């Protein structure tokens, strides 16, 4: 069963026998997953391995063809107010309003989630993500790395119990990747559960408690990141 090595009480996220089929294509074969608060699971595999499909199901953005996906013990659905209030997602595509500045994007998120003392919190997140000098810039003027930082900032400026990230290291330089790793470790320490899809072994080693390697929608290895990566490295 995929999940954290040391379950503690009820899981925040639980997938039971979940699979997903699109037409005749099996995007995800049946699997189980358990993720507790303050823990991180890293999904690892090539493009098309099923990582993004699994993330969409866990976040309620897609429904499994079979099996059950639960968030805090109830069926997960992104239209559920509890899910919208407690689950923050950083996707694999850039979706921004072209006529809103960086700061206005974050202000929109804080209004939607009724964040207290939003202005000072936005200032802190802008500084943390190295976007303070670009607060009044439009998305079209940002570099790809700055755009990725904006997507992360939008997730961080709101309340969350679960943080779902689809290859958040994309478009980040080495220094920014290290800041990302430090950020995700801090998220775990604050009690946030992290579900992460990544191509970066070093990020998984630093952040994850458990790794699930996928290939063609199937789990081919799982366990502590160092063990899984060593296993994959020995395969022909």
Protein backbone atom coordinates (compact mmCIF):
# COMPACT_ATOMS: atom_id res chain seq x y z
CA UNK A 1 0.00 0.00 0.00
CA UNK A 2 1.42 3.37 -0.98
CA UNK A 3 1.66 6.04 1.71
CA UNK A 4 3.64 7.28 4.65
CA UNK A 5 5.80 4.74 6.43
CA UNK A 6 4.49 5.69 9.88
CA UNK A 7 0.70 6.33 9.81
CA UNK A 8 -0.53 8.48 12.67
CA UNK A 9 -4.31 8.29 13.20
CA UNK A 10 -6.67 9.12 10.36
CA UNK A 11 -5.08 9.97 7.04
CA UNK A 12 -5.66 13.42 5.60
CA UNK A 13 -5.60 12.00 2.07
CA UNK A 14 -6.50 8.42 1.26
CA UNK A 15 -6.87 6.76 -2.13
CA UNK A 16 -8.38 3.28 -2.07
CA UNK A 17 -8.08 1.14 -5.19
CA UNK A 18 -8.10 4.26 -7.35
CA UNK A 19 -7.72 3.96 -11.12
CA UNK A 20 -8.43 6.23 -14.09
CA UNK A 21 -9.30 5.38 -17.68
CA UNK A 22 -9.72 7.84 -20.55
CA UNK A 23 -11.55 6.07 -23.35
CA UNK A 24 -9.49 2.95 -24.00
CA UNK A 25 -6.35 4.33 -22.36
CA UNK A 26 -5.54 3.25 -18.81
CA UNK A 27 -3.88 6.35 -17.36
CA UNK A 28 -3.70 4.98 -13.83
CA UNK A 29 -3.90 1.36 -12.70
CA UNK A 30 -5.43 0.59 -9.27
CA UNK A 31 -3.38 1.88 -6.37
CA UNK A 32 -3.69 2.84 -2.72
CA UNK A 33 -2.16 5.91 -1.08
CA UNK A 34 -2.21 7.35 2.41
CA UNK A 35 -0.86 10.78 3.34
CA UNK A 36 -0.87 12.17 6.88
CA UNK A 37 -0.58 15.76 8.06
CA UNK A 38 3.03 16.96 8.24
CA UNK A 39 4.27 14.32 5.80
CA UNK A 40 5.27 14.36 2.13
CA UNK A 41 4.82 11.82 -0.63
CA UNK A 42 6.80 12.34 -3.84
CA UNK A 43 5.54 10.89 -7.11
CA UNK A 44 8.37 10.11 -9.49
CA UNK A 45 8.35 9.11 -13.14
CA UNK A 46 8.58 10.24 -16.73
CA UNK A 47 5.94 12.36 -18.47
CA UNK A 48 2.88 10.21 -19.07
CA UNK A 49 3.61 7.93 -16.12
CA UNK A 50 0.38 8.89 -14.31
CA UNK A 51 1.71 11.46 -11.83
CA UNK A 52 -0.51 14.35 -12.92
CA UNK A 53 -3.58 12.12 -13.12
CA UNK A 54 -3.00 10.98 -9.54
CA UNK A 55 -2.56 14.58 -8.37
CA UNK A 56 -5.79 15.69 -10.06
CA UNK A 57 -7.70 12.88 -8.37
CA UNK A 58 -6.17 13.62 -4.95
CA UNK A 59 -7.11 17.29 -5.29
CA UNK A 60 -10.65 16.59 -6.46
CA UNK A 61 -10.09 17.98 -9.94
CA UNK A 62 -10.75 14.63 -11.57
CA UNK A 63 -12.81 11.65 -10.49
CA UNK A 64 -11.42 8.11 -10.44
CA UNK A 65 -12.94 5.58 -12.80
CA UNK A 66 -12.86 3.09 -9.94
CA UNK A 67 -11.98 3.26 -6.26
CA UNK A 68 -12.43 6.02 -3.69
CA UNK A 69 -10.53 9.26 -3.12
CA UNK A 70 -10.97 10.76 0.34
CA UNK A 71 -9.91 14.02 1.94
CA UNK A 72 -10.17 14.07 5.72
CA UNK A 73 -12.50 11.08 5.57
CA UNK A 74 -14.96 12.42 2.99
CA UNK A 75 -15.12 12.02 -0.81
CA UNK A 76 -12.83 14.61 -2.38
CA UNK A 77 -14.35 17.11 -4.82
CA UNK A 78 -12.91 20.51 -5.69
CA UNK A 79 -16.46 21.94 -5.55
CA UNK A 80 -16.66 20.96 -1.87
CA UNK A 81 -16.17 24.17 0.20
CA UNK A 82 -13.94 22.27 2.66
CA UNK A 83 -11.64 21.14 -0.14
CA UNK A 84 -11.48 24.65 -1.66
CA UNK A 85 -10.66 26.10 1.75
CA UNK A 86 -8.00 23.57 2.77
CA UNK A 87 -6.30 22.33 -0.42
CA UNK A 88 -3.83 24.51 -2.33
CA UNK A 89 -2.69 23.37 -5.77
CA UNK A 90 0.31 24.41 -7.88
CA UNK A 91 -0.40 22.90 -11.29
CA UNK A 92 1.76 22.06 -14.25
CA UNK A 93 0.32 24.84 -16.41
CA UNK A 94 0.48 28.61 -16.07
CA UNK A 95 -2.94 30.21 -15.60
CA UNK A 96 -2.89 33.94 -14.92
CA UNK A 97 -4.98 36.98 -15.77
CA UNK A 98 -2.91 38.97 -18.30
CA UNK A 99 -4.18 42.35 -17.07
CA UNK A 100 -3.59 41.78 -13.34
CA UNK A 101 -0.25 42.54 -11.71
CA UNK A 102 1.63 40.05 -9.57
CA UNK A 103 0.35 41.72 -6.42
CA UNK A 104 -3.22 41.88 -7.71
CA UNK A 105 -3.15 38.13 -8.35
CA UNK A 106 -2.20 37.54 -4.72
CA UNK A 107 -4.78 40.05 -3.50
CA UNK A 108 -7.45 38.15 -5.42
CA UNK A 109 -6.45 34.92 -3.66
CA UNK A 110 -6.52 36.53 -0.21
CA UNK A 111 -9.97 38.01 -0.83
CA UNK A 112 -11.29 34.62 -1.98
CA UNK A 113 -9.99 32.99 1.22
CA UNK A 114 -10.73 35.86 3.62
CA UNK A 115 -7.10 36.13 4.73
CA UNK A 116 -6.53 38.41 7.72
CA UNK A 117 -3.90 41.16 7.50
CA UNK A 118 -3.57 40.36 3.82
CA UNK A 119 -1.34 43.29 2.80
CA UNK A 120 1.47 42.43 5.19
CA UNK A 121 1.16 38.73 4.39
CA UNK A 122 1.39 39.46 0.67
CA UNK A 123 4.49 41.58 1.30
CA UNK A 124 6.09 38.67 3.16
CA UNK A 125 5.29 36.13 0.43
CA UNK A 126 6.52 38.47 -2.32
CA UNK A 127 9.83 38.87 -0.49
CA UNK A 128 10.12 35.15 0.23
CA UNK A 129 9.55 34.23 -3.43
CA UNK A 130 11.92 36.99 -4.68
CA UNK A 131 9.05 38.82 -6.36
CA UNK A 132 9.00 42.08 -4.39
CA UNK A 133 10.65 43.99 -7.24
CA UNK A 134 8.03 42.64 -9.65
CA UNK A 135 4.92 43.26 -7.53
CA UNK A 136 3.48 45.70 -10.08
CA UNK A 137 4.54 43.75 -13.18
CA UNK A 138 2.10 42.00 -15.49
CA UNK A 139 2.52 38.26 -16.08
CA UNK A 140 3.62 38.80 -19.67
CA UNK A 141 6.75 40.60 -18.51
CA UNK A 142 7.90 37.83 -16.13
CA UNK A 143 10.51 35.19 -16.87
CA UNK A 144 9.44 31.55 -16.76
CA UNK A 145 11.08 31.16 -13.36
CA UNK A 146 9.29 34.23 -12.01
CA UNK A 147 6.00 32.87 -13.31
CA UNK A 148 6.62 29.64 -11.43
CA UNK A 149 7.37 31.66 -8.30
CA UNK A 150 4.07 33.51 -8.75
CA UNK A 151 2.18 30.20 -8.89
CA UNK A 152 3.90 29.11 -5.68
CA UNK A 153 3.17 32.46 -4.04
CA UNK A 154 -0.52 32.15 -4.88
CA UNK A 155 -0.62 28.82 -3.03
CA UNK A 156 1.35 30.13 -0.04
CA UNK A 157 -0.66 33.30 0.50
CA UNK A 158 -3.80 31.34 1.40
CA UNK A 159 -4.68 28.89 4.23
CA UNK A 160 -3.94 25.21 3.51
CA UNK A 161 -3.77 21.81 5.12
CA UNK A 162 -2.74 20.03 1.92
CA UNK A 163 -0.33 21.36 -0.69
CA UNK A 164 -0.35 19.62 -4.08
CA UNK A 165 2.45 20.47 -6.49
CA UNK A 166 2.96 19.21 -10.03
CA UNK A 167 6.67 19.49 -10.87
CA UNK A 168 7.12 22.83 -9.06
CA UNK A 169 10.86 22.79 -9.80
CA UNK A 170 10.16 23.44 -13.48
CA UNK A 171 11.71 26.64 -14.79
CA UNK A 172 13.54 27.31 -11.49
CA UNK A 173 17.29 27.88 -11.34
CA UNK A 174 19.42 25.88 -8.84
CA UNK A 175 19.22 28.56 -6.14
CA UNK A 176 15.43 28.80 -6.48
CA UNK A 177 15.16 25.00 -6.33
CA UNK A 178 17.02 24.99 -3.02
CA UNK A 179 14.64 27.67 -1.69
CA UNK A 180 11.75 25.49 -2.86
CA UNK A 181 13.13 22.50 -0.96
CA UNK A 182 13.56 24.61 2.19
CA UNK A 183 10.02 25.92 1.78
CA UNK A 184 8.49 22.44 1.50
CA UNK A 185 10.38 21.19 4.55
CA UNK A 186 9.00 24.19 6.46
CA UNK A 187 5.48 23.40 5.21
CA UNK A 188 5.77 19.89 6.65
CA UNK A 189 7.09 21.22 9.95
CA UNK A 190 4.04 23.47 10.20
CA UNK A 191 1.75 20.45 9.81
CA UNK A 192 0.87 20.78 6.13
CA UNK A 193 0.67 17.58 4.09
CA UNK A 194 2.58 17.76 0.80
CA UNK A 195 1.86 15.68 -2.31
CA UNK A 196 4.53 16.34 -4.89
CA UNK A 197 5.21 15.17 -8.45
CA UNK A 198 8.80 15.72 -9.48
CA UNK A 199 11.54 14.77 -11.93
CA UNK A 200 14.25 15.86 -9.47
CA UNK A 201 15.78 13.09 -7.30
CA UNK A 202 17.48 15.62 -5.01
CA UNK A 203 14.19 17.38 -4.27
CA UNK A 204 12.54 14.08 -3.40
CA UNK A 205 15.42 13.04 -1.15
CA UNK A 206 15.33 16.35 0.73
CA UNK A 207 11.59 16.74 1.16
CA UNK A 208 9.76 13.42 0.88
CA UNK A 209 9.11 10.82 3.57
CA UNK A 210 7.87 8.34 1.01
CA UNK A 211 8.28 7.97 -2.75
CA UNK A 212 6.06 6.28 -5.31
CA UNK A 213 7.63 5.58 -8.71
CA UNK A 214 5.16 5.28 -11.59
CA UNK A 215 5.54 3.95 -15.11
CA UNK A 216 2.66 3.73 -17.60
CA UNK A 217 0.20 4.31 -14.78
CA UNK A 218 1.54 1.49 -12.59
CA UNK A 219 3.45 1.62 -9.31
CA UNK A 220 6.86 0.08 -10.04
CA UNK A 221 8.57 0.93 -6.73
CA UNK A 222 7.78 2.64 -3.45
CA UNK A 223 9.34 3.31 -0.09
CA UNK A 224 11.86 5.79 1.34
CA UNK A 225 13.22 8.00 -1.46
CA UNK A 226 16.82 6.78 -1.13
CA UNK A 227 15.70 3.14 -1.36
CA UNK A 228 13.42 3.74 -4.36
CA UNK A 229 16.02 5.76 -6.26
CA UNK A 230 18.66 3.11 -5.59
CA UNK A 231 16.24 0.43 -6.82
CA UNK A 232 15.46 2.38 -9.98
CA UNK A 233 19.17 2.98 -10.59
CA UNK A 234 19.83 -0.77 -10.65
CA UNK A 235 17.15 -1.47 -13.23
CA UNK A 236 18.22 -2.10 -16.83
